[in-house]
Amino acid sequence: MRKGDVRKLKKDKKRKEHIQRAKMDRVAQKKVTTLDKIIGKKHLYIILSMALIAAVLIFYTLRS
């Protein structure tokens, strides 16, 4: 093998590693955003249920 061939192989290997790392980062980022969305929805449901409970309590106190 010549020097140029070895250099080319090293560059190609580094490029493939970089692509692989970028792919893994994208997948990790997707998982994080999905978790954020799920957590956001949970908070929304908790707030809505609290508002519903408060509305029912106010309704019954005003009624009686």
PDB file of N, CA and C in Angstrom:
ATOM      1  N   MET A   1       0.841  -1.199   0.000  1.00  0.00           N
ATOM      2  CA  MET A   1       0.000   0.000   0.000  1.00  0.00           C
ATOM      3  C   MET A   1       0.877   1.250   0.000  1.00  0.00           C
ATOM      4  N   ARG A   2       0.405   2.218  -0.720  1.00  0.00           N
ATOM      5  CA  ARG A   2       1.142   3.478  -0.746  1.00  0.00           C
ATOM      6  C   ARG A   2       0.633   4.393   0.359  1.00  0.00           C
ATOM      7  N   LYS A   3       1.415   5.435   0.595  1.00  0.00           N
ATOM      8  CA  LYS A   3       1.070   6.382   1.654  1.00  0.00           C
ATOM      9  C   LYS A   3      -0.297   7.031   1.402  1.00  0.00           C
ATOM     10  N   GLY A   4      -0.560   7.383   0.160  1.00  0.00           N
ATOM     11  CA  GLY A   4      -1.822   8.026  -0.190  1.00  0.00           C
ATOM     12  C   GLY A   4      -3.015   7.131   0.074  1.00  0.00           C
ATOM     13  N   ASP A   5      -2.846   5.833  -0.192  1.00  0.00           N
ATOM     14  CA  ASP A   5      -3.937   4.878   0.042  1.00  0.00           C
ATOM     15  C   ASP A   5      -4.274   4.778   1.526  1.00  0.00           C
ATOM     16  N   VAL A   6      -3.222   4.704   2.349  1.00  0.00           N
ATOM     17  CA  VAL A   6      -3.426   4.609   3.799  1.00  0.00           C
ATOM     18  C   VAL A   6      -4.144   5.856   4.300  1.00  0.00           C
ATOM     19  N   ARG A   7      -3.695   7.015   3.807  1.00  0.00           N
ATOM     20  CA  ARG A   7      -4.311   8.281   4.219  1.00  0.00           C
ATOM     21  C   ARG A   7      -5.786   8.310   3.820  1.00  0.00           C
ATOM     22  N   LYS A   8      -6.063   7.829   2.607  1.00  0.00           N
ATOM     23  CA  LYS A   8      -7.443   7.818   2.119  1.00  0.00           C
ATOM     24  C   LYS A   8      -8.314   6.899   2.983  1.00  0.00           C
ATOM     25  N   LEU A   9      -7.769   5.730   3.345  1.00  0.00           N
ATOM     26  CA  LEU A   9      -8.515   4.802   4.195  1.00  0.00           C
ATOM     27  C   LEU A   9      -8.801   5.416   5.560  1.00  0.00           C
ATOM     28  N   LYS A  10      -7.811   6.094   6.129  1.00  0.00           N
ATOM     29  CA  LYS A  10      -8.007   6.738   7.436  1.00  0.00           C
ATOM     30  C   LYS A  10      -9.092   7.805   7.356  1.00  0.00           C
ATOM     31  N   LYS A  11      -9.024   8.627   6.285  1.00  0.00           N
ATOM     32  CA  LYS A  11     -10.031   9.681   6.115  1.00  0.00           C
ATOM     33  C   LYS A  11     -11.428   9.082   5.985  1.00  0.00           C
ATOM     34  N   ASP A  12     -11.514   8.008   5.181  1.00  0.00           N
ATOM     35  CA  ASP A  12     -12.804   7.357   4.973  1.00  0.00           C
ATOM     36  C   ASP A  12     -13.342   6.793   6.285  1.00  0.00           C
ATOM     37  N   LYS A  13     -12.453   6.189   7.074  1.00  0.00           N
ATOM     38  CA  LYS A  13     -12.864   5.623   8.362  1.00  0.00           C
ATOM     39  C   LYS A  13     -13.370   6.727   9.294  1.00  0.00           C
ATOM     40  N   LYS A  14     -12.634   7.852   9.344  1.00  0.00           N
ATOM     41  CA  LYS A  14     -13.061   8.970  10.199  1.00  0.00           C
ATOM     42  C   LYS A  14     -14.408   9.517   9.743  1.00  0.00           C
ATOM     43  N   ARG A  15     -14.578   9.611   8.413  1.00  0.00           N
ATOM     44  CA  ARG A  15     -15.833  10.136   7.873  1.00  0.00           C
ATOM     45  C   ARG A  15     -17.000   9.231   8.275  1.00  0.00           C
ATOM     46  N   LYS A  16     -16.802   7.922   8.161  1.00  0.00           N
ATOM     47  CA  LYS A  16     -17.861   6.972   8.537  1.00  0.00           C
ATOM     48  C   LYS A  16     -18.171   7.059  10.028  1.00  0.00           C
ATOM     49  N   GLU A  17     -17.126   7.195  10.852  1.00  0.00           N
ATOM     50  CA  GLU A  17     -17.345   7.330  12.298  1.00  0.00           C
ATOM     51  C   GLU A  17     -18.143   8.589  12.601  1.00  0.00           C
ATOM     52  N   HIS A  18     -17.802   9.678  11.899  1.00  0.00           N
ATOM     53  CA  HIS A  18     -18.501  10.947  12.118  1.00  0.00           C
ATOM     54  C   HIS A  18     -19.978  10.818  11.737  1.00  0.00           C
ATOM     55  N   ILE A  19     -20.237  10.168  10.598  1.00  0.00           N
ATOM     56  CA  ILE A  19     -21.626   9.974  10.158  1.00  0.00           C
ATOM     57  C   ILE A  19     -22.393   9.142  11.181  1.00  0.00           C
ATOM     58  N   GLN A  20     -21.742   8.071  11.676  1.00  0.00           N
ATOM     59  CA  GLN A  20     -22.380   7.198  12.666  1.00  0.00           C
ATOM     60  C   GLN A  20     -22.710   7.972  13.941  1.00  0.00           C
ATOM     61  N   ARG A  21     -21.735   8.790  14.397  1.00  0.00           N
ATOM     62  CA  ARG A  21     -21.943   9.575  15.618  1.00  0.00           C
ATOM     63  C   ARG A  21     -23.084  10.571  15.430  1.00  0.00           C
ATOM     64  N   ALA A  22     -23.122  11.223  14.261  1.00  0.00           N
ATOM     65  CA  ALA A  22     -24.184  12.194  13.986  1.00  0.00           C
ATOM     66  C   ALA A  22     -25.546  11.508  13.982  1.00  0.00           C
ATOM     67  N   LYS A  23     -25.586  10.289  13.424  1.00  0.00           N
ATOM     68  CA  LYS A  23     -26.845   9.540  13.384  1.00  0.00           C
ATOM     69  C   LYS A  23     -27.322   9.220  14.798  1.00  0.00           C
ATOM     70  N   MET A  24     -26.384   8.768  15.641  1.00  0.00           N
ATOM     71  CA  MET A  24     -26.737   8.443  17.026  1.00  0.00           C
ATOM     72  C   MET A  24     -27.212   9.687  17.777  1.00  0.00           C
ATOM     73  N   ASP A  25     -26.565  10.831  17.519  1.00  0.00           N
ATOM     74  CA  ASP A  25     -26.980  12.079  18.165  1.00  0.00           C
ATOM     75  C   ASP A  25     -28.396  12.457  17.761  1.00  0.00           C
ATOM     76  N   ARG A  26     -28.713  12.278  16.475  1.00  0.00           N
ATOM     77  CA  ARG A  26     -30.065  12.611  16.007  1.00  0.00           C
ATOM     78  C   ARG A  26     -31.107  11.727  16.681  1.00  0.00           C
ATOM     79  N   VAL A  27     -30.813  10.439  16.786  1.00  0.00           N
ATOM     80  CA  VAL A  27     -31.756   9.510  17.430  1.00  0.00           C
ATOM     81  C   VAL A  27     -31.950   9.898  18.890  1.00  0.00           C
ATOM     82  N   ALA A  28     -30.839  10.207  19.575  1.00  0.00           N
ATOM     83  CA  ALA A  28     -30.927  10.610  20.986  1.00  0.00           C
ATOM     84  C   ALA A  28     -31.755  11.880  21.121  1.00  0.00           C
ATOM     85  N   GLN A  29     -31.549  12.836  20.207  1.00  0.00           N
ATOM     86  CA  GLN A  29     -32.296  14.095  20.254  1.00  0.00           C
ATOM     87  C   GLN A  29     -33.785  13.833  20.060  1.00  0.00           C
ATOM     88  N   LYS A  30     -34.121  12.927  19.135  1.00  0.00           N
ATOM     89  CA  LYS A  30     -35.532  12.594  18.906  1.00  0.00           C
ATOM     90  C   LYS A  30     -36.156  12.023  20.168  1.00  0.00           C
ATOM     91  N   LYS A  31     -35.437  11.114  20.834  1.00  0.00           N
ATOM     92  CA  LYS A  31     -35.970  10.505  22.051  1.00  0.00           C
ATOM     93  C   LYS A  31     -36.216  11.560  23.112  1.00  0.00           C
ATOM     94  N   VAL A  32     -35.294  12.518  23.241  1.00  0.00           N
ATOM     95  CA  VAL A  32     -35.440  13.578  24.240  1.00  0.00           C
ATOM     96  C   VAL A  32     -36.668  14.425  23.930  1.00  0.00           C
ATOM     97  N   THR A  33     -36.847  14.804  22.662  1.00  0.00           N
ATOM     98  CA  THR A  33     -37.997  15.648  22.329  1.00  0.00           C
ATOM     99  C   THR A  33     -39.304  14.895  22.551  1.00  0.00           C
ATOM    100  N   THR A  34     -39.320  13.593  22.264  1.00  0.00           N
ATOM    101  CA  THR A  34     -40.552  12.827  22.507  1.00  0.00           C
ATOM    102  C   THR A  34     -40.849  12.787  23.995  1.00  0.00           C
ATOM    103  N   LEU A  35     -39.811  12.587  24.812  1.00  0.00           N
ATOM    104  CA  LEU A  35     -40.020  12.588  26.259  1.00  0.00           C
ATOM    105  C   LEU A  35     -40.550  13.939  26.720  1.00  0.00           C
ATOM    106  N   ASP A  36     -39.981  15.033  26.171  1.00  0.00           N
ATOM    107  CA  ASP A  36     -40.462  16.366  26.533  1.00  0.00           C
ATOM    108  C   ASP A  36     -41.933  16.529  26.173  1.00  0.00           C
ATOM    109  N   LYS A  37     -42.314  16.026  24.999  1.00  0.00           N
ATOM    110  CA  LYS A  37     -43.717  16.133  24.587  1.00  0.00           C
ATOM    111  C   LYS A  37     -44.621  15.369  25.543  1.00  0.00           C
ATOM    112  N   ILE A  38     -44.208  14.152  25.911  1.00  0.00           N
ATOM    113  CA  ILE A  38     -45.018  13.329  26.822  1.00  0.00           C
ATOM    114  C   ILE A  38     -45.159  14.024  28.168  1.00  0.00           C
ATOM    115  N   ILE A  39     -44.042  14.542  28.685  1.00  0.00           N
ATOM    116  CA  ILE A  39     -44.067  15.236  29.978  1.00  0.00           C
ATOM    117  C   ILE A  39     -44.964  16.466  29.886  1.00  0.00           C
ATOM    118  N   GLY A  40     -44.868  17.203  28.776  1.00  0.00           N
ATOM    119  CA  GLY A  40     -45.713  18.379  28.574  1.00  0.00           C
ATOM    120  C   GLY A  40     -47.183  18.014  28.583  1.00  0.00           C
ATOM    121  N   LYS A  41     -47.521  16.896  27.934  1.00  0.00           N
ATOM    122  CA  LYS A  41     -48.921  16.462  27.905  1.00  0.00           C
ATOM    123  C   LYS A  41     -49.390  16.077  29.297  1.00  0.00           C
ATOM    124  N   LYS A  42     -48.522  15.405  30.064  1.00  0.00           N
ATOM    125  CA  LYS A  42     -48.903  15.017  31.420  1.00  0.00           C
ATOM    126  C   LYS A  42     -49.221  16.255  32.243  1.00  0.00           C
ATOM    127  N   HIS A  43     -48.369  17.275  32.148  1.00  0.00           N
ATOM    128  CA  HIS A  43     -48.608  18.511  32.895  1.00  0.00           C
ATOM    129  C   HIS A  43     -49.927  19.142  32.460  1.00  0.00           C
ATOM    130  N   LEU A  44     -50.187  19.134  31.165  1.00  0.00           N
ATOM    131  CA  LEU A  44     -51.431  19.709  30.655  1.00  0.00           C
ATOM    132  C   LEU A  44     -52.636  18.973  31.237  1.00  0.00           C
ATOM    133  N   TYR A  45     -52.576  17.642  31.242  1.00  0.00           N
ATOM    134  CA  TYR A  45     -53.690  16.858  31.784  1.00  0.00           C
ATOM    135  C   TYR A  45     -53.874  17.110  33.275  1.00  0.00           C
ATOM    136  N   ILE A  46     -52.779  17.234  34.011  1.00  0.00           N
ATOM    137  CA  ILE A  46     -52.872  17.504  35.450  1.00  0.00           C
ATOM    138  C   ILE A  46     -53.533  18.853  35.685  1.00  0.00           C
ATOM    139  N   ILE A  47     -53.112  19.869  34.935  1.00  0.00           N
ATOM    140  CA  ILE A  47     -53.679  21.217  35.093  1.00  0.00           C
ATOM    141  C   ILE A  47     -55.168  21.211  34.736  1.00  0.00           C
ATOM    142  N   LEU A  48     -55.522  20.536  33.638  1.00  0.00           N
ATOM    143  CA  LEU A  48     -56.928  20.487  33.230  1.00  0.00           C
ATOM    144  C   LEU A  48     -57.789  19.760  34.258  1.00  0.00           C
ATOM    145  N   SER A  49     -57.266  18.672  34.813  1.00  0.00           N
ATOM    146  CA  SER A  49     -58.055  17.946  35.815  1.00  0.00           C
ATOM    147  C   SER A  49     -58.219  18.782  37.079  1.00  0.00           C
ATOM    148  N   MET A  50     -57.190  19.521  37.466  1.00  0.00           N
ATOM    149  CA  MET A  50     -57.311  20.410  38.636  1.00  0.00           C
ATOM    150  C   MET A  50     -58.353  21.489  38.382  1.00  0.00           C
ATOM    151  N   ALA A  51     -58.350  22.049  37.177  1.00  0.00           N
ATOM    152  CA  ALA A  51     -59.325  23.081  36.833  1.00  0.00           C
ATOM    153  C   ALA A  51     -60.740  22.512  36.868  1.00  0.00           C
ATOM    154  N   LEU A  52     -60.903  21.296  36.386  1.00  0.00           N
ATOM    155  CA  LEU A  52     -62.217  20.657  36.399  1.00  0.00           C
ATOM    156  C   LEU A  52     -62.695  20.425  37.825  1.00  0.00           C
ATOM    157  N   ILE A  53     -61.805  19.929  38.677  1.00  0.00           N
ATOM    158  CA  ILE A  53     -62.155  19.700  40.089  1.00  0.00           C
ATOM    159  C   ILE A  53     -62.531  21.020  40.760  1.00  0.00           C
ATOM    160  N   ALA A  54     -61.748  22.071  40.484  1.00  0.00           N
ATOM    161  CA  ALA A  54     -62.039  23.385  41.069  1.00  0.00           C
ATOM    162  C   ALA A  54     -63.392  23.897  40.588  1.00  0.00           C
ATOM    163  N   ALA A  55     -63.683  23.713  39.302  1.00  0.00           N
ATOM    164  CA  ALA A  55     -64.963  24.174  38.761  1.00  0.00           C
ATOM    165  C   ALA A  55     -66.122  23.432  39.415  1.00  0.00           C
ATOM    166  N   VAL A  56     -65.984  22.134  39.609  1.00  0.00           N
ATOM    167  CA  VAL A  56     -67.041  21.344  40.249  1.00  0.00           C
ATOM    168  C   VAL A  56     -67.237  21.808  41.690  1.00  0.00           C
ATOM    169  N   LEU A  57     -66.143  22.015  42.415  1.00  0.00           N
ATOM    170  CA  LEU A  57     -66.247  22.479  43.804  1.00  0.00           C
ATOM    171  C   LEU A  57     -66.922  23.842  43.888  1.00  0.00           C
ATOM    172  N   ILE A  58     -66.540  24.753  43.015  1.00  0.00           N
ATOM    173  CA  ILE A  58     -67.152  26.093  43.007  1.00  0.00           C
ATOM    174  C   ILE A  58     -68.640  25.978  42.684  1.00  0.00           C
ATOM    175  N   PHE A  59     -68.975  25.143  41.702  1.00  0.00           N
ATOM    176  CA  PHE A  59     -70.368  24.959  41.313  1.00  0.00           C
ATOM    177  C   PHE A  59     -71.208  24.458  42.489  1.00  0.00           C
ATOM    178  N   TYR A  60     -70.696  23.453  43.210  1.00  0.00           N
ATOM    179  CA  TYR A  60     -71.458  22.900  44.337  1.00  0.00           C
ATOM    180  C   TYR A  60     -71.546  23.880  45.502  1.00  0.00           C
ATOM    181  N   THR A  61     -70.488  24.658  45.744  1.00  0.00           N
ATOM    182  CA  THR A  61     -70.552  25.623  46.852  1.00  0.00           C
ATOM    183  C   THR A  61     -71.522  26.754  46.528  1.00  0.00           C
ATOM    184  N   LEU A  62     -71.563  27.177  45.278  1.00  0.00           N
ATOM    185  CA  LEU A  62     -72.495  28.241  44.898  1.00  0.00           C
ATOM    186  C   LEU A  62     -73.936  27.729  44.882  1.00  0.00           C
ATOM    187  N   ARG A  63     -74.115  26.465  44.570  1.00  0.00           N
ATOM    188  CA  ARG A  63     -75.451  25.891  44.482  1.00  0.00           C
ATOM    189  C   ARG A  63     -76.105  25.755  45.856  1.00  0.00           C
ATOM    190  N   SER A  64     -75.303  25.437  46.838  1.00  0.00           N
ATOM    191  CA  SER A  64     -75.902  25.197  48.156  1.00  0.00           C
ATOM    192  C   SER A  64     -75.957  26.439  49.021  1.00  0.00           C
TER     193      SER A  64
END
